[in-house]
Amino acid sequence: YVWLTGYPCSWTFYHHLRQEILQEFSFHDHVKEEANQYL
């Protein structure tokens, strides 16, 4: 049972999984549509 602490943000942790991370942080459709419509 491991509880990670700190404020990690570095690409060195996760960049080898870039596509998976981008998938995790893909926006919901309504968010995407609102941003694209504004632009």
PDB file of all heavy atoms in Angstrom:
ATOM      1  N   TYR A   1       0.854  -1.191   0.000  1.00  0.00           N
ATOM      2  CA  TYR A   1       0.000   0.000   0.000  1.00  0.00           C
ATOM      3  C   TYR A   1       0.892   1.245   0.000  1.00  0.00           C
ATOM      4  O   TYR A   1       1.378   1.655   1.053  1.00  0.00           O
ATOM      5  CB  TYR A   1      -0.920   0.013   1.226  1.00  0.00           C
ATOM      6  CG  TYR A   1      -1.810  -1.202   1.315  1.00  0.00           C
ATOM      7  CD1 TYR A   1      -1.601  -2.167   2.298  1.00  0.00           C
ATOM      8  CD2 TYR A   1      -2.854  -1.395   0.404  1.00  0.00           C
ATOM      9  CE1 TYR A   1      -2.418  -3.295   2.386  1.00  0.00           C
ATOM     10  CE2 TYR A   1      -3.668  -2.521   0.478  1.00  0.00           C
ATOM     11  CZ  TYR A   1      -3.440  -3.461   1.467  1.00  0.00           C
ATOM     12  OH  TYR A   1      -4.243  -4.557   1.534  1.00  0.00           O
ATOM     13  N   VAL A   2       1.105   1.827  -1.163  1.00  0.00           N
ATOM     14  CA  VAL A   2       2.044   2.950  -1.287  1.00  0.00           C
ATOM     15  C   VAL A   2       1.273   4.238  -1.577  1.00  0.00           C
ATOM     16  O   VAL A   2       0.452   4.293  -2.492  1.00  0.00           O
ATOM     17  CB  VAL A   2       3.075   2.683  -2.407  1.00  0.00           C
ATOM     18  CG1 VAL A   2       3.953   3.909  -2.647  1.00  0.00           C
ATOM     19  CG2 VAL A   2       3.937   1.475  -2.052  1.00  0.00           C
ATOM     20  N   TRP A   3       1.552   5.261  -0.770  1.00  0.00           N
ATOM     21  CA  TRP A   3       0.944   6.589  -0.923  1.00  0.00           C
ATOM     22  C   TRP A   3       2.059   7.539  -1.316  1.00  0.00           C
ATOM     23  O   TRP A   3       2.887   7.912  -0.492  1.00  0.00           O
ATOM     24  CB  TRP A   3       0.306   7.001   0.399  1.00  0.00           C
ATOM     25  CG  TRP A   3      -0.424   8.325   0.395  1.00  0.00           C
ATOM     26  CD1 TRP A   3       0.078   9.542   0.079  1.00  0.00           C
ATOM     27  CD2 TRP A   3      -1.797   8.550   0.764  1.00  0.00           C
ATOM     28  NE1 TRP A   3      -0.880  10.514   0.214  1.00  0.00           N
ATOM     29  CE2 TRP A   3      -2.051   9.942   0.636  1.00  0.00           C
ATOM     30  CE3 TRP A   3      -2.842   7.712   1.182  1.00  0.00           C
ATOM     31  CZ2 TRP A   3      -3.293  10.505   0.930  1.00  0.00           C
ATOM     32  CZ3 TRP A   3      -4.078   8.291   1.469  1.00  0.00           C
ATOM     33  CH2 TRP A   3      -4.303   9.660   1.339  1.00  0.00           C
ATOM     34  N   LEU A   4       2.109   7.917  -2.598  1.00  0.00           N
ATOM     35  CA  LEU A   4       3.153   8.826  -3.085  1.00  0.00           C
ATOM     36  C   LEU A   4       2.854  10.249  -2.608  1.00  0.00           C
ATOM     37  O   LEU A   4       1.695  10.677  -2.626  1.00  0.00           O
ATOM     38  CB  LEU A   4       3.215   8.799  -4.615  1.00  0.00           C
ATOM     39  CG  LEU A   4       3.478   7.430  -5.261  1.00  0.00           C
ATOM     40  CD1 LEU A   4       3.347   7.533  -6.782  1.00  0.00           C
ATOM     41  CD2 LEU A   4       4.842   6.882  -4.876  1.00  0.00           C
ATOM     42  N   THR A   5       3.898  10.963  -2.186  1.00  0.00           N
ATOM     43  CA  THR A   5       3.707  12.344  -1.739  1.00  0.00           C
ATOM     44  C   THR A   5       4.667  13.275  -2.481  1.00  0.00           C
ATOM     45  O   THR A   5       5.645  12.824  -3.075  1.00  0.00           O
ATOM     46  CB  THR A   5       3.932  12.494  -0.217  1.00  0.00           C
ATOM     47  OG1 THR A   5       5.310  12.232   0.071  1.00  0.00           O
ATOM     48  CG2 THR A   5       3.057  11.530   0.575  1.00  0.00           C
ATOM     49  N   GLY A   6       4.360  14.559  -2.410  1.00  0.00           N
ATOM     50  CA  GLY A   6       5.167  15.559  -3.110  1.00  0.00           C
ATOM     51  C   GLY A   6       4.353  16.219  -4.208  1.00  0.00           C
ATOM     52  O   GLY A   6       3.136  16.027  -4.305  1.00  0.00           O
ATOM     53  N   TYR A   7       5.049  16.996  -5.039  1.00  0.00           N
ATOM     54  CA  TYR A   7       4.399  17.699  -6.155  1.00  0.00           C
ATOM     55  C   TYR A   7       5.063  17.292  -7.469  1.00  0.00           C
ATOM     56  O   TYR A   7       5.567  18.141  -8.209  1.00  0.00           O
ATOM     57  CB  TYR A   7       4.532  19.216  -5.978  1.00  0.00           C
ATOM     58  CG  TYR A   7       3.700  19.786  -4.852  1.00  0.00           C
ATOM     59  CD1 TYR A   7       4.195  19.824  -3.554  1.00  0.00           C
ATOM     60  CD2 TYR A   7       2.434  20.296  -5.084  1.00  0.00           C
ATOM     61  CE1 TYR A   7       3.448  20.373  -2.510  1.00  0.00           C
ATOM     62  CE2 TYR A   7       1.673  20.844  -4.067  1.00  0.00           C
ATOM     63  CZ  TYR A   7       2.191  20.874  -2.777  1.00  0.00           C
ATOM     64  OH  TYR A   7       1.443  21.405  -1.766  1.00  0.00           O
ATOM     65  N   PRO A   8       5.076  16.002  -7.805  1.00  0.00           N
ATOM     66  CA  PRO A   8       5.788  15.585  -9.023  1.00  0.00           C
ATOM     67  C   PRO A   8       5.069  16.072 -10.279  1.00  0.00           C
ATOM     68  O   PRO A   8       3.848  16.038 -10.356  1.00  0.00           O
ATOM     69  CB  PRO A   8       5.753  14.055  -8.938  1.00  0.00           C
ATOM     70  CG  PRO A   8       4.515  13.759  -8.145  1.00  0.00           C
ATOM     71  CD  PRO A   8       4.399  14.872  -7.146  1.00  0.00           C
ATOM     72  N   CYS A   9       5.843  16.546 -11.243  1.00  0.00           N
ATOM     73  CA  CYS A   9       5.249  16.999 -12.512  1.00  0.00           C
ATOM     74  C   CYS A   9       6.159  16.672 -13.692  1.00  0.00           C
ATOM     75  O   CYS A   9       5.766  16.785 -14.836  1.00  0.00           O
ATOM     76  CB  CYS A   9       4.993  18.506 -12.444  1.00  0.00           C
ATOM     77  SG  CYS A   9       4.082  19.140 -13.853  1.00  0.00           S
ATOM     78  N   SER A  10       7.382  16.236 -13.420  1.00  0.00           N
ATOM     79  CA  SER A  10       8.405  16.106 -14.457  1.00  0.00           C
ATOM     80  C   SER A  10       8.057  15.089 -15.544  1.00  0.00           C
ATOM     81  O   SER A  10       7.604  13.973 -15.253  1.00  0.00           O
ATOM     82  CB  SER A  10       9.731  15.698 -13.808  1.00  0.00           C
ATOM     83  OG  SER A  10      10.663  15.342 -14.794  1.00  0.00           O
ATOM     84  N   TRP A  11       8.340  15.478 -16.792  1.00  0.00           N
ATOM     85  CA  TRP A  11       8.143  14.559 -17.932  1.00  0.00           C
ATOM     86  C   TRP A  11       8.998  13.306 -17.788  1.00  0.00           C
ATOM     87  O   TRP A  11       8.688  12.278 -18.398  1.00  0.00           O
ATOM     88  CB  TRP A  11       8.459  15.277 -19.247  1.00  0.00           C
ATOM     89  CG  TRP A  11       9.875  15.775 -19.376  1.00  0.00           C
ATOM     90  CD1 TRP A  11      10.342  17.013 -19.022  1.00  0.00           C
ATOM     91  CD2 TRP A  11      11.007  15.054 -19.877  1.00  0.00           C
ATOM     92  NE1 TRP A  11      11.693  17.107 -19.268  1.00  0.00           N
ATOM     93  CE2 TRP A  11      12.129  15.916 -19.797  1.00  0.00           C
ATOM     94  CE3 TRP A  11      11.189  13.769 -20.387  1.00  0.00           C
ATOM     95  CZ2 TRP A  11      13.403  15.536 -20.201  1.00  0.00           C
ATOM     96  CZ3 TRP A  11      12.460  13.388 -20.797  1.00  0.00           C
ATOM     97  CH2 TRP A  11      13.553  14.262 -20.700  1.00  0.00           C
ATOM     98  N   THR A  12      10.056  13.362 -16.969  1.00  0.00           N
ATOM     99  CA  THR A  12      10.945  12.195 -16.831  1.00  0.00           C
ATOM    100  C   THR A  12      10.237  11.004 -16.185  1.00  0.00           C
ATOM    101  O   THR A  12      10.704   9.875 -16.312  1.00  0.00           O
ATOM    102  CB  THR A  12      12.211  12.557 -16.012  1.00  0.00           C
ATOM    103  OG1 THR A  12      11.824  13.052 -14.714  1.00  0.00           O
ATOM    104  CG2 THR A  12      13.032  13.625 -16.716  1.00  0.00           C
ATOM    105  N   PHE A  13       9.122  11.250 -15.515  1.00  0.00           N
ATOM    106  CA  PHE A  13       8.347  10.139 -14.929  1.00  0.00           C
ATOM    107  C   PHE A  13       7.509   9.406 -15.989  1.00  0.00           C
ATOM    108  O   PHE A  13       7.363   8.195 -15.933  1.00  0.00           O
ATOM    109  CB  PHE A  13       7.383  10.652 -13.855  1.00  0.00           C
ATOM    110  CG  PHE A  13       8.027  11.156 -12.605  1.00  0.00           C
ATOM    111  CD1 PHE A  13       7.935  12.501 -12.254  1.00  0.00           C
ATOM    112  CD2 PHE A  13       8.723  10.305 -11.754  1.00  0.00           C
ATOM    113  CE1 PHE A  13       8.517  12.976 -11.094  1.00  0.00           C
ATOM    114  CE2 PHE A  13       9.307  10.771 -10.584  1.00  0.00           C
ATOM    115  CZ  PHE A  13       9.207  12.119 -10.254  1.00  0.00           C
ATOM    116  N   TYR A  14       6.926  10.163 -16.921  1.00  0.00           N
ATOM    117  CA  TYR A  14       5.840   9.589 -17.728  1.00  0.00           C
ATOM    118  C   TYR A  14       5.984   9.753 -19.243  1.00  0.00           C
ATOM    119  O   TYR A  14       5.148   9.267 -19.988  1.00  0.00           O
ATOM    120  CB  TYR A  14       4.491  10.201 -17.298  1.00  0.00           C
ATOM    121  CG  TYR A  14       4.518  11.710 -17.229  1.00  0.00           C
ATOM    122  CD1 TYR A  14       4.471  12.487 -18.384  1.00  0.00           C
ATOM    123  CD2 TYR A  14       4.621  12.373 -16.008  1.00  0.00           C
ATOM    124  CE1 TYR A  14       4.534  13.866 -18.331  1.00  0.00           C
ATOM    125  CE2 TYR A  14       4.686  13.763 -15.942  1.00  0.00           C
ATOM    126  CZ  TYR A  14       4.638  14.505 -17.102  1.00  0.00           C
ATOM    127  OH  TYR A  14       4.707  15.866 -17.048  1.00  0.00           O
ATOM    128  N   HIS A  15       7.039  10.424 -19.708  1.00  0.00           N
ATOM    129  CA  HIS A  15       7.094  10.759 -21.138  1.00  0.00           C
ATOM    130  C   HIS A  15       7.199   9.513 -22.032  1.00  0.00           C
ATOM    131  O   HIS A  15       6.784   9.547 -23.186  1.00  0.00           O
ATOM    132  CB  HIS A  15       8.260  11.711 -21.411  1.00  0.00           C
ATOM    133  CG  HIS A  15       8.206  12.371 -22.757  1.00  0.00           C
ATOM    134  ND1 HIS A  15       7.099  13.069 -23.212  1.00  0.00           N
ATOM    135  CD2 HIS A  15       9.118  12.441 -23.771  1.00  0.00           C
ATOM    136  CE1 HIS A  15       7.331  13.527 -24.432  1.00  0.00           C
ATOM    137  NE2 HIS A  15       8.544  13.168 -24.793  1.00  0.00           N
ATOM    138  N   HIS A  16       7.733   8.412 -21.483  1.00  0.00           N
ATOM    139  CA  HIS A  16       7.799   7.162 -22.264  1.00  0.00           C
ATOM    140  C   HIS A  16       6.399   6.604 -22.513  1.00  0.00           C
ATOM    141  O   HIS A  16       6.214   5.725 -23.355  1.00  0.00           O
ATOM    142  CB  HIS A  16       8.666   6.117 -21.537  1.00  0.00           C
ATOM    143  CG  HIS A  16       8.146   5.732 -20.185  1.00  0.00           C
ATOM    144  ND1 HIS A  16       8.154   6.595 -19.105  1.00  0.00           N
ATOM    145  CD2 HIS A  16       7.587   4.578 -19.739  1.00  0.00           C
ATOM    146  CE1 HIS A  16       7.619   5.991 -18.053  1.00  0.00           C
ATOM    147  NE2 HIS A  16       7.259   4.771 -18.413  1.00  0.00           N
ATOM    148  N   LEU A  17       5.398   7.122 -21.788  1.00  0.00           N
ATOM    149  CA  LEU A  17       4.000   6.711 -21.977  1.00  0.00           C
ATOM    150  C   LEU A  17       3.177   7.866 -22.553  1.00  0.00           C
ATOM    151  O   LEU A  17       1.982   7.970 -22.301  1.00  0.00           O
ATOM    152  CB  LEU A  17       3.390   6.300 -20.623  1.00  0.00           C
ATOM    153  CG  LEU A  17       4.048   5.137 -19.878  1.00  0.00           C
ATOM    154  CD1 LEU A  17       3.425   4.983 -18.499  1.00  0.00           C
ATOM    155  CD2 LEU A  17       3.897   3.834 -20.672  1.00  0.00           C
ATOM    156  N   ARG A  18       3.824   8.719 -23.302  1.00  0.00           N
ATOM    157  CA  ARG A  18       3.174   9.968 -23.755  1.00  0.00           C
ATOM    158  C   ARG A  18       1.771   9.744 -24.328  1.00  0.00           C
ATOM    159  O   ARG A  18       0.830  10.441 -23.963  1.00  0.00           O
ATOM    160  CB  ARG A  18       4.052  10.681 -24.785  1.00  0.00           C
ATOM    161  CG  ARG A  18       3.397  11.969 -25.333  1.00  0.00           C
ATOM    162  CD  ARG A  18       4.361  12.786 -26.192  1.00  0.00           C
ATOM    163  NE  ARG A  18       3.678  13.855 -26.900  1.00  0.00           N
ATOM    164  CZ  ARG A  18       3.320  15.024 -26.376  1.00  0.00           C
ATOM    165  NH1 ARG A  18       3.571  15.272 -25.110  1.00  0.00           N
ATOM    166  NH2 ARG A  18       2.703  15.939 -27.089  1.00  0.00           N
ATOM    167  N   GLN A  19       1.623   8.766 -25.213  1.00  0.00           N
ATOM    168  CA  GLN A  19       0.311   8.567 -25.837  1.00  0.00           C
ATOM    169  C   GLN A  19      -0.759   8.185 -24.817  1.00  0.00           C
ATOM    170  O   GLN A  19      -1.902   8.640 -24.894  1.00  0.00           O
ATOM    171  CB  GLN A  19       0.398   7.512 -26.958  1.00  0.00           C
ATOM    172  CG  GLN A  19       1.099   8.001 -28.217  1.00  0.00           C
ATOM    173  CD  GLN A  19       0.628   9.390 -28.663  1.00  0.00           C
ATOM    174  OE1 GLN A  19      -0.556   9.697 -28.717  1.00  0.00           O
ATOM    175  NE2 GLN A  19       1.574  10.267 -28.969  1.00  0.00           N
ATOM    176  N   GLU A  20      -0.370   7.359 -23.853  1.00  0.00           N
ATOM    177  CA  GLU A  20      -1.332   6.972 -22.805  1.00  0.00           C
ATOM    178  C   GLU A  20      -1.700   8.162 -21.927  1.00  0.00           C
ATOM    179  O   GLU A  20      -2.858   8.341 -21.538  1.00  0.00           O
ATOM    180  CB  GLU A  20      -0.753   5.849 -21.934  1.00  0.00           C
ATOM    181  CG  GLU A  20      -0.674   4.512 -22.661  1.00  0.00           C
ATOM    182  CD  GLU A  20      -0.048   3.427 -21.787  1.00  0.00           C
ATOM    183  OE1 GLU A  20      -0.448   3.286 -20.622  1.00  0.00           O
ATOM    184  OE2 GLU A  20       0.853   2.725 -22.298  1.00  0.00           O
ATOM    185  N   ILE A  21      -0.716   8.981 -21.606  1.00  0.00           N
ATOM    186  CA  ILE A  21      -0.975  10.160 -20.767  1.00  0.00           C
ATOM    187  C   ILE A  21      -1.875  11.148 -21.518  1.00  0.00           C
ATOM    188  O   ILE A  21      -2.824  11.707 -20.948  1.00  0.00           O
ATOM    189  CB  ILE A  21       0.357  10.835 -20.343  1.00  0.00           C
ATOM    190  CG1 ILE A  21       1.207   9.883 -19.492  1.00  0.00           C
ATOM    191  CG2 ILE A  21       0.099  12.146 -19.606  1.00  0.00           C
ATOM    192  CD1 ILE A  21       0.555   9.386 -18.215  1.00  0.00           C
ATOM    193  N   LEU A  22      -1.616  11.332 -22.808  1.00  0.00           N
ATOM    194  CA  LEU A  22      -2.470  12.220 -23.607  1.00  0.00           C
ATOM    195  C   LEU A  22      -3.898  11.671 -23.681  1.00  0.00           C
ATOM    196  O   LEU A  22      -4.863  12.437 -23.697  1.00  0.00           O
ATOM    197  CB  LEU A  22      -1.896  12.402 -25.019  1.00  0.00           C
ATOM    198  CG  LEU A  22      -0.576  13.184 -25.106  1.00  0.00           C
ATOM    199  CD1 LEU A  22      -0.097  13.248 -26.553  1.00  0.00           C
ATOM    200  CD2 LEU A  22      -0.718  14.591 -24.531  1.00  0.00           C
ATOM    201  N   GLN A  23      -4.006  10.355 -23.716  1.00  0.00           N
ATOM    202  CA  GLN A  23      -5.328   9.720 -23.722  1.00  0.00           C
ATOM    203  C   GLN A  23      -6.052   9.984 -22.397  1.00  0.00           C
ATOM    204  O   GLN A  23      -7.237  10.310 -22.366  1.00  0.00           O
ATOM    205  CB  GLN A  23      -5.162   8.206 -23.956  1.00  0.00           C
ATOM    206  CG  GLN A  23      -6.451   7.444 -24.193  1.00  0.00           C
ATOM    207  CD  GLN A  23      -7.221   7.945 -25.400  1.00  0.00           C
ATOM    208  OE1 GLN A  23      -6.654   8.225 -26.455  1.00  0.00           O
ATOM    209  NE2 GLN A  23      -8.531   8.098 -25.243  1.00  0.00           N
ATOM    210  N   GLU A  24      -5.322   9.828 -21.275  1.00  0.00           N
ATOM    211  CA  GLU A  24      -5.909  10.089 -19.952  1.00  0.00           C
ATOM    212  C   GLU A  24      -6.397  11.535 -19.855  1.00  0.00           C
ATOM    213  O   GLU A  24      -7.416  11.810 -19.237  1.00  0.00           O
ATOM    214  CB  GLU A  24      -4.882   9.821 -18.842  1.00  0.00           C
ATOM    215  CG  GLU A  24      -4.526   8.363 -18.636  1.00  0.00           C
ATOM    216  CD  GLU A  24      -5.715   7.532 -18.168  1.00  0.00           C
ATOM    217  OE1 GLU A  24      -6.391   7.928 -17.193  1.00  0.00           O
ATOM    218  OE2 GLU A  24      -5.989   6.479 -18.792  1.00  0.00           O
ATOM    219  N   PHE A  25      -5.637  12.437 -20.457  1.00  0.00           N
ATOM    220  CA  PHE A  25      -5.983  13.855 -20.387  1.00  0.00           C
ATOM    221  C   PHE A  25      -6.670  14.335 -21.661  1.00  0.00           C
ATOM    222  O   PHE A  25      -6.558  15.513 -22.030  1.00  0.00           O
ATOM    223  CB  PHE A  25      -4.735  14.696 -20.095  1.00  0.00           C
ATOM    224  CG  PHE A  25      -4.159  14.470 -18.720  1.00  0.00           C
ATOM    225  CD1 PHE A  25      -2.777  14.444 -18.517  1.00  0.00           C
ATOM    226  CD2 PHE A  25      -4.982  14.268 -17.619  1.00  0.00           C
ATOM    227  CE1 PHE A  25      -2.237  14.234 -17.248  1.00  0.00           C
ATOM    228  CE2 PHE A  25      -4.462  14.054 -16.339  1.00  0.00           C
ATOM    229  CZ  PHE A  25      -3.085  14.036 -16.157  1.00  0.00           C
ATOM    230  N   SER A  26      -7.381  13.438 -22.324  1.00  0.00           N
ATOM    231  CA  SER A  26      -8.191  13.894 -23.462  1.00  0.00           C
ATOM    232  C   SER A  26      -9.469  14.517 -22.897  1.00  0.00           C
ATOM    233  O   SER A  26     -10.036  14.040 -21.909  1.00  0.00           O
ATOM    234  CB  SER A  26      -8.491  12.748 -24.430  1.00  0.00           C
ATOM    235  OG  SER A  26      -9.117  11.679 -23.777  1.00  0.00           O
ATOM    236  N   PHE A  27      -9.898  15.592 -23.515  1.00  0.00           N
ATOM    237  CA  PHE A  27     -11.016  16.370 -22.991  1.00  0.00           C
ATOM    238  C   PHE A  27     -12.358  15.724 -23.325  1.00  0.00           C
ATOM    239  O   PHE A  27     -12.500  15.071 -24.358  1.00  0.00           O
ATOM    240  CB  PHE A  27     -10.998  17.780 -23.592  1.00  0.00           C
ATOM    241  CG  PHE A  27      -9.845  18.632 -23.136  1.00  0.00           C
ATOM    242  CD1 PHE A  27      -8.661  18.654 -23.857  1.00  0.00           C
ATOM    243  CD2 PHE A  27      -9.950  19.406 -21.993  1.00  0.00           C
ATOM    244  CE1 PHE A  27      -7.595  19.442 -23.439  1.00  0.00           C
ATOM    245  CE2 PHE A  27      -8.894  20.202 -21.572  1.00  0.00           C
ATOM    246  CZ  PHE A  27      -7.712  20.214 -22.295  1.00  0.00           C
ATOM    247  N   HIS A  28     -13.324  15.960 -22.466  1.00  0.00           N
ATOM    248  CA  HIS A  28     -14.699  15.581 -22.798  1.00  0.00           C
ATOM    249  C   HIS A  28     -15.141  16.385 -24.025  1.00  0.00           C
ATOM    250  O   HIS A  28     -14.673  17.516 -24.240  1.00  0.00           O
ATOM    251  CB  HIS A  28     -15.640  15.883 -21.626  1.00  0.00           C
ATOM    252  CG  HIS A  28     -15.370  15.038 -20.418  1.00  0.00           C
ATOM    253  ND1 HIS A  28     -15.455  13.655 -20.427  1.00  0.00           N
ATOM    254  CD2 HIS A  28     -14.996  15.379 -19.165  1.00  0.00           C
ATOM    255  CE1 HIS A  28     -15.155  13.189 -19.233  1.00  0.00           C
ATOM    256  NE2 HIS A  28     -14.865  14.214 -18.441  1.00  0.00           N
ATOM    257  N   ASP A  29     -16.053  15.813 -24.790  1.00  0.00           N
ATOM    258  CA  ASP A  29     -16.477  16.440 -26.046  1.00  0.00           C
ATOM    259  C   ASP A  29     -16.963  17.872 -25.869  1.00  0.00           C
ATOM    260  O   ASP A  29     -16.622  18.752 -26.651  1.00  0.00           O
ATOM    261  CB  ASP A  29     -17.586  15.609 -26.716  1.00  0.00           C
ATOM    262  CG  ASP A  29     -17.030  14.320 -27.315  1.00  0.00           C
ATOM    263  OD1 ASP A  29     -15.789  14.227 -27.451  1.00  0.00           O
ATOM    264  OD2 ASP A  29     -17.815  13.410 -27.623  1.00  0.00           O
ATOM    265  N   HIS A  30     -17.759  18.126 -24.816  1.00  0.00           N
ATOM    266  CA  HIS A  30     -18.337  19.465 -24.666  1.00  0.00           C
ATOM    267  C   HIS A  30     -17.241  20.505 -24.372  1.00  0.00           C
ATOM    268  O   HIS A  30     -17.334  21.648 -24.802  1.00  0.00           O
ATOM    269  CB  HIS A  30     -19.426  19.492 -23.588  1.00  0.00           C
ATOM    270  CG  HIS A  30     -18.928  19.313 -22.187  1.00  0.00           C
ATOM    271  ND1 HIS A  30     -18.665  18.073 -21.642  1.00  0.00           N
ATOM    272  CD2 HIS A  30     -18.624  20.215 -21.221  1.00  0.00           C
ATOM    273  CE1 HIS A  30     -18.228  18.224 -20.393  1.00  0.00           C
ATOM    274  NE2 HIS A  30     -18.184  19.518 -20.116  1.00  0.00           N
ATOM    275  N   VAL A  31     -16.189  20.087 -23.676  1.00  0.00           N
ATOM    276  CA  VAL A  31     -15.077  20.999 -23.372  1.00  0.00           C
ATOM    277  C   VAL A  31     -14.316  21.313 -24.663  1.00  0.00           C
ATOM    278  O   VAL A  31     -13.986  22.463 -24.965  1.00  0.00           O
ATOM    279  CB  VAL A  31     -14.118  20.368 -22.326  1.00  0.00           C
ATOM    280  CG1 VAL A  31     -12.953  21.311 -22.019  1.00  0.00           C
ATOM    281  CG2 VAL A  31     -14.865  19.999 -21.046  1.00  0.00           C
ATOM    282  N   LYS A  32     -14.060  20.252 -25.420  1.00  0.00           N
ATOM    283  CA  LYS A  32     -13.342  20.361 -26.696  1.00  0.00           C
ATOM    284  C   LYS A  32     -14.115  21.264 -27.666  1.00  0.00           C
ATOM    285  O   LYS A  32     -13.545  22.150 -28.302  1.00  0.00           O
ATOM    286  CB  LYS A  32     -13.219  18.945 -27.285  1.00  0.00           C
ATOM    287  CG  LYS A  32     -12.150  18.777 -28.335  1.00  0.00           C
ATOM    288  CD  LYS A  32     -12.212  17.381 -28.954  1.00  0.00           C
ATOM    289  CE  LYS A  32     -12.085  16.275 -27.909  1.00  0.00           C
ATOM    290  NZ  LYS A  32     -12.121  14.931 -28.527  1.00  0.00           N
ATOM    291  N   GLU A  33     -15.414  21.028 -27.753  1.00  0.00           N
ATOM    292  CA  GLU A  33     -16.251  21.791 -28.692  1.00  0.00           C
ATOM    293  C   GLU A  33     -16.273  23.276 -28.337  1.00  0.00           C
ATOM    294  O   GLU A  33     -16.168  24.143 -29.204  1.00  0.00           O
ATOM    295  CB  GLU A  33     -17.677  21.233 -28.711  1.00  0.00           C
ATOM    296  CG  GLU A  33     -17.801  19.993 -29.572  1.00  0.00           C
ATOM    297  CD  GLU A  33     -19.021  19.139 -29.204  1.00  0.00           C
ATOM    298  OE1 GLU A  33     -19.968  19.682 -28.586  1.00  0.00           O
ATOM    299  OE2 GLU A  33     -19.010  17.923 -29.517  1.00  0.00           O
ATOM    300  N   GLU A  34     -16.383  23.560 -27.033  1.00  0.00           N
ATOM    301  CA  GLU A  34     -16.431  24.962 -26.598  1.00  0.00           C
ATOM    302  C   GLU A  34     -15.113  25.678 -26.940  1.00  0.00           C
ATOM    303  O   GLU A  34     -15.116  26.798 -27.448  1.00  0.00           O
ATOM    304  CB  GLU A  34     -16.690  25.045 -25.088  1.00  0.00           C
ATOM    305  CG  GLU A  34     -16.943  26.473 -24.623  1.00  0.00           C
ATOM    306  CD  GLU A  34     -16.990  26.618 -23.104  1.00  0.00           C
ATOM    307  OE1 GLU A  34     -17.305  25.644 -22.404  1.00  0.00           O
ATOM    308  OE2 GLU A  34     -16.686  27.735 -22.626  1.00  0.00           O
ATOM    309  N   ALA A  35     -13.987  25.004 -26.692  1.00  0.00           N
ATOM    310  CA  ALA A  35     -12.680  25.609 -26.976  1.00  0.00           C
ATOM    311  C   ALA A  35     -12.507  25.832 -28.478  1.00  0.00           C
ATOM    312  O   ALA A  35     -12.099  26.923 -28.913  1.00  0.00           O
ATOM    313  CB  ALA A  35     -11.562  24.716 -26.436  1.00  0.00           C
ATOM    314  N   ASN A  36     -12.824  24.812 -29.261  1.00  0.00           N
ATOM    315  CA  ASN A  36     -12.652  24.933 -30.721  1.00  0.00           C
ATOM    316  C   ASN A  36     -13.572  25.986 -31.330  1.00  0.00           C
ATOM    317  O   ASN A  36     -13.198  26.702 -32.253  1.00  0.00           O
ATOM    318  CB  ASN A  36     -12.861  23.574 -31.395  1.00  0.00           C
ATOM    319  CG  ASN A  36     -11.650  22.665 -31.212  1.00  0.00           C
ATOM    320  OD1 ASN A  36     -10.514  23.145 -31.099  1.00  0.00           O
ATOM    321  ND2 ASN A  36     -11.875  21.365 -31.167  1.00  0.00           N
ATOM    322  N   GLN A  37     -14.766  26.073 -30.766  1.00  0.00           N
ATOM    323  CA  GLN A  37     -15.739  27.070 -31.250  1.00  0.00           C
ATOM    324  C   GLN A  37     -15.216  28.481 -30.964  1.00  0.00           C
ATOM    325  O   GLN A  37     -15.287  29.373 -31.813  1.00  0.00           O
ATOM    326  CB  GLN A  37     -17.070  26.851 -30.514  1.00  0.00           C
ATOM    327  CG  GLN A  37     -18.259  27.424 -31.235  1.00  0.00           C
ATOM    328  CD  GLN A  37     -19.567  27.031 -30.532  1.00  0.00           C
ATOM    329  OE1 GLN A  37     -19.616  26.115 -29.705  1.00  0.00           O
ATOM    330  NE2 GLN A  37     -20.629  27.726 -30.843  1.00  0.00           N
ATOM    331  N   TYR A  38     -14.675  28.675 -29.785  1.00  0.00           N
ATOM    332  CA  TYR A  38     -14.128  29.984 -29.418  1.00  0.00           C
ATOM    333  C   TYR A  38     -12.965  30.350 -30.350  1.00  0.00           C
ATOM    334  O   TYR A  38     -12.897  31.465 -30.872  1.00  0.00           O
ATOM    335  CB  TYR A  38     -13.671  30.001 -27.960  1.00  0.00           C
ATOM    336  CG  TYR A  38     -13.075  31.337 -27.574  1.00  0.00           C
ATOM    337  CD1 TYR A  38     -13.891  32.375 -27.146  1.00  0.00           C
ATOM    338  CD2 TYR A  38     -11.708  31.582 -27.698  1.00  0.00           C
ATOM    339  CE1 TYR A  38     -13.354  33.634 -26.847  1.00  0.00           C
ATOM    340  CE2 TYR A  38     -11.157  32.825 -27.400  1.00  0.00           C
ATOM    341  CZ  TYR A  38     -11.992  33.843 -26.971  1.00  0.00           C
ATOM    342  OH  TYR A  38     -11.455  35.070 -26.686  1.00  0.00           O
ATOM    343  N   LEU A  39     -12.055  29.403 -30.547  1.00  0.00           N
ATOM    344  CA  LEU A  39     -10.891  29.661 -31.405  1.00  0.00           C
ATOM    345  C   LEU A  39     -11.325  29.960 -32.843  1.00  0.00           C
ATOM    346  O   LEU A  39     -10.787  30.864 -33.488  1.00  0.00           O
ATOM    347  CB  LEU A  39      -9.921  28.479 -31.367  1.00  0.00           C
ATOM    348  CG  LEU A  39      -9.217  28.242 -30.028  1.00  0.00           C
ATOM    349  CD1 LEU A  39      -8.399  26.955 -30.069  1.00  0.00           C
ATOM    350  CD2 LEU A  39      -8.327  29.418 -29.641  1.00  0.00           C
TER     351      LEU A  39
END
